[in-house]
N, C-alpha and C. Protein backbone atom coordinates (compact mmCIF):
# COMPACT_ATOMS: atom_id res chain seq x y z
N MET A 1 25.22 11.54 20.16
CA MET A 1 24.83 11.16 18.49
C MET A 1 25.25 11.95 17.77
N GLY A 2 26.42 11.97 17.06
CA GLY A 2 27.18 12.91 16.31
C GLY A 2 26.49 12.56 14.60
N ARG A 3 26.47 13.74 13.90
CA ARG A 3 25.96 13.62 12.53
C ARG A 3 27.12 13.03 11.89
N LYS A 4 26.88 12.12 10.84
CA LYS A 4 27.73 11.40 10.12
C LYS A 4 27.76 12.32 8.53
N TYR A 5 26.76 12.62 8.32
CA TYR A 5 26.93 13.29 6.84
C TYR A 5 26.34 14.86 6.93
N SER A 6 27.11 15.76 6.24
CA SER A 6 26.40 17.00 5.98
C SER A 6 24.91 16.93 5.91
N THR A 7 24.20 17.99 6.28
CA THR A 7 22.77 17.65 5.98
C THR A 7 22.43 18.10 4.51
N ILE A 8 22.38 17.44 3.59
CA ILE A 8 21.98 17.48 2.18
C ILE A 8 20.55 17.53 2.23
N LEU A 9 19.91 16.41 2.92
CA LEU A 9 18.33 16.45 2.96
C LEU A 9 17.90 17.22 3.79
N PRO A 10 16.89 17.96 3.78
CA PRO A 10 16.13 18.90 4.60
C PRO A 10 15.48 18.12 5.89
N GLN A 11 15.50 18.64 6.92
CA GLN A 11 14.71 17.85 8.08
C GLN A 11 13.16 17.90 7.99
N ALA A 12 12.71 19.10 7.67
CA ALA A 12 11.09 19.04 7.60
C ALA A 12 10.21 17.92 6.76
N PRO A 13 10.86 17.80 5.34
CA PRO A 13 10.45 16.91 4.46
C PRO A 13 10.56 15.64 5.09
N VAL A 14 11.55 14.93 5.64
CA VAL A 14 12.03 13.82 6.17
C VAL A 14 11.08 13.58 7.35
N ALA A 15 10.78 14.65 8.24
CA ALA A 15 9.75 14.42 9.43
C ALA A 15 8.64 14.22 8.82
N ARG A 16 8.20 14.73 7.60
CA ARG A 16 6.75 14.49 7.20
C ARG A 16 6.66 12.99 6.88
N LEU A 17 7.59 12.62 5.98
CA LEU A 17 7.93 10.86 5.86
C LEU A 17 7.49 10.27 6.97
N ILE A 18 8.00 10.44 7.94
CA ILE A 18 7.76 9.60 9.34
C ILE A 18 6.10 9.98 9.72
N GLN A 19 5.77 11.24 9.73
CA GLN A 19 4.47 11.33 9.71
C GLN A 19 3.32 10.75 8.87
N LYS A 20 3.86 10.56 7.86
CA LYS A 20 3.20 9.94 6.65
C LYS A 20 2.98 8.45 6.99
N ALA A 21 3.91 7.79 7.69
CA ALA A 21 3.98 6.50 8.30
C ALA A 21 3.15 6.24 9.19
N GLY A 22 2.59 7.24 10.01
CA GLY A 22 1.58 7.15 10.92
C GLY A 22 1.82 8.02 12.33
N ALA A 23 3.25 8.63 12.45
CA ALA A 23 3.30 9.36 13.60
C ALA A 23 2.59 10.52 13.76
N THR A 24 1.93 10.57 14.96
CA THR A 24 1.42 11.87 15.42
C THR A 24 2.34 13.16 15.46
N ARG A 25 3.59 12.86 16.12
CA ARG A 25 4.64 13.89 16.32
C ARG A 25 5.92 13.21 15.94
N VAL A 26 6.89 13.98 15.46
CA VAL A 26 8.30 13.54 15.45
C VAL A 26 9.16 14.42 15.92
N SER A 27 10.20 13.86 16.68
CA SER A 27 11.10 14.54 17.41
C SER A 27 12.09 15.15 16.46
N ASP A 28 12.78 16.21 16.54
CA ASP A 28 13.85 16.67 15.78
C ASP A 28 15.02 15.65 15.71
N ASP A 29 15.24 14.90 16.73
CA ASP A 29 16.20 13.77 16.70
C ASP A 29 15.98 12.81 15.82
N ALA A 30 14.79 12.38 15.96
CA ALA A 30 14.28 11.22 15.17
C ALA A 30 14.30 11.70 13.72
N ALA A 31 13.96 12.85 13.05
CA ALA A 31 14.12 13.30 11.95
C ALA A 31 15.38 13.26 11.33
N MET A 32 16.27 13.92 12.35
CA MET A 32 17.88 14.02 11.91
C MET A 32 18.60 12.59 11.78
N GLU A 33 18.08 11.80 12.64
CA GLU A 33 18.46 10.28 12.42
C GLU A 33 18.17 9.62 11.19
N LEU A 34 16.93 9.90 10.60
CA LEU A 34 16.67 9.46 9.50
C LEU A 34 17.32 10.20 8.02
N VAL A 35 17.43 11.58 8.51
CA VAL A 35 18.13 12.21 7.51
C VAL A 35 19.69 11.59 7.36
N ASP A 36 20.25 11.18 8.41
CA ASP A 36 21.54 10.46 8.53
C ASP A 36 21.46 9.20 7.69
N ILE A 37 20.46 8.41 8.08
CA ILE A 37 20.50 6.90 7.36
C ILE A 37 20.11 7.34 6.00
N LEU A 38 19.10 8.03 5.40
CA LEU A 38 18.73 8.20 4.26
C LEU A 38 20.01 8.84 3.43
N SER A 39 20.63 9.71 4.14
CA SER A 39 21.91 9.89 3.40
C SER A 39 22.97 9.02 3.13
N GLU A 40 23.27 8.23 4.09
CA GLU A 40 24.11 7.12 4.21
C GLU A 40 23.55 6.29 2.82
N TYR A 41 22.52 5.67 3.08
CA TYR A 41 21.84 4.79 2.07
C TYR A 41 21.91 5.39 0.56
N GLY A 42 21.59 6.54 0.51
CA GLY A 42 21.40 7.36 -0.83
C GLY A 42 22.95 7.49 -1.62
N THR A 43 24.02 7.79 -0.59
CA THR A 43 25.36 7.93 -0.95
C THR A 43 25.70 6.45 -1.62
N GLU A 44 25.27 5.31 -0.85
CA GLU A 44 25.95 4.16 -1.43
C GLU A 44 25.14 3.69 -2.69
N ILE A 45 23.95 4.06 -2.90
CA ILE A 45 23.06 3.79 -4.06
C ILE A 45 23.91 4.59 -5.26
N SER A 46 24.22 5.85 -4.74
CA SER A 46 24.79 6.73 -5.87
C SER A 46 26.11 6.28 -6.44
N LYS A 47 26.71 5.89 -5.34
CA LYS A 47 28.22 5.41 -5.89
C LYS A 47 28.11 4.29 -6.73
N TYR A 48 27.12 3.11 -6.30
CA TYR A 48 26.82 2.16 -7.50
C TYR A 48 26.42 2.42 -8.73
N ALA A 49 25.40 3.39 -8.73
CA ALA A 49 25.03 3.86 -10.06
C ALA A 49 25.90 4.46 -10.67
N VAL A 50 26.81 5.18 -10.19
CA VAL A 50 28.14 5.65 -10.95
C VAL A 50 28.88 4.70 -11.61
N LYS A 51 29.07 3.61 -11.10
CA LYS A 51 29.96 2.42 -11.49
C LYS A 51 29.03 1.73 -12.48
N ILE A 52 27.86 1.69 -12.35
CA ILE A 52 27.09 1.08 -13.55
C ILE A 52 27.12 1.85 -14.76
N ALA A 53 26.99 3.21 -14.49
CA ALA A 53 27.17 4.40 -15.96
C ALA A 53 28.58 4.08 -16.40
N GLU A 54 29.51 3.96 -15.66
CA GLU A 54 30.93 3.93 -16.27
C GLU A 54 31.14 2.72 -16.84
N HIS A 55 30.42 1.74 -16.20
CA HIS A 55 30.61 0.38 -16.78
C HIS A 55 29.94 0.58 -18.21
N SER A 56 28.96 0.87 -18.49
CA SER A 56 28.31 1.06 -19.75
C SER A 56 28.75 2.15 -20.53
N GLY A 57 29.82 2.79 -20.31
CA GLY A 57 30.67 3.70 -21.17
C GLY A 57 30.02 5.17 -21.00
N ARG A 58 29.36 5.51 -20.06
CA ARG A 58 28.89 6.83 -19.87
C ARG A 58 29.31 7.59 -18.76
N LYS A 59 28.99 8.87 -18.77
CA LYS A 59 29.59 9.99 -17.76
C LYS A 59 28.35 10.22 -17.17
N THR A 60 27.18 10.05 -17.79
CA THR A 60 25.75 10.37 -17.14
C THR A 60 25.15 9.29 -16.64
N VAL A 61 24.89 9.57 -15.17
CA VAL A 61 23.99 8.48 -14.63
C VAL A 61 22.58 8.78 -14.82
N ARG A 62 21.79 7.78 -15.23
CA ARG A 62 20.68 7.75 -15.74
C ARG A 62 19.61 7.02 -14.72
N ALA A 63 18.32 7.29 -14.86
CA ALA A 63 17.39 6.79 -13.82
C ALA A 63 17.48 5.26 -13.77
N GLY A 64 17.60 4.59 -15.01
CA GLY A 64 17.80 3.15 -14.73
C GLY A 64 19.05 2.67 -13.95
N ASP A 65 20.23 3.30 -14.08
CA ASP A 65 21.42 3.11 -13.42
C ASP A 65 20.81 3.28 -11.70
N VAL A 66 20.29 4.25 -11.34
CA VAL A 66 19.79 4.54 -9.90
C VAL A 66 18.94 3.37 -9.46
N LYS A 67 17.86 3.05 -10.30
CA LYS A 67 17.09 1.99 -10.04
C LYS A 67 17.65 0.54 -10.03
N LEU A 68 18.57 0.14 -10.91
CA LEU A 68 19.21 -1.16 -10.82
C LEU A 68 20.24 -1.13 -9.46
N ALA A 69 20.75 0.05 -9.25
CA ALA A 69 21.72 0.13 -8.14
C ALA A 69 20.88 -0.12 -6.89
N ALA A 70 19.73 0.24 -6.84
CA ALA A 70 19.03 0.18 -5.64
C ALA A 70 18.52 -1.13 -5.31
N GLU A 71 18.22 -1.68 -6.52
CA GLU A 71 17.73 -3.24 -6.60
C GLU A 71 18.86 -4.04 -6.11
N LYS A 72 19.89 -3.71 -6.69
CA LYS A 72 21.19 -4.57 -6.28
C LYS A 72 21.70 -4.58 -4.70
N MET A 73 21.46 -3.36 -4.09
CA MET A 73 21.48 -2.84 -2.63
C MET A 73 20.57 -3.64 -1.75
N LYS A 74 19.63 -4.38 -1.93
CA LYS A 74 18.73 -4.81 -1.27
C LYS A 74 19.18 -5.95 -0.38
């Protein structure tokens, strides 16, 4: 299981997300897998948000761009 993305997201908070969902214990591999998935999904949303901002004639990505991008990615 190779890492697809550099570790932008820290592992410990991601493990806490899994625990918050009901897990008693979380393996390092499980937390790192979720880090990879969240990084991939977050990157795709971010790319779309950049396109939305550019289409609107802005260089700055705003919260609404990210929200719209996430909605469109569903």
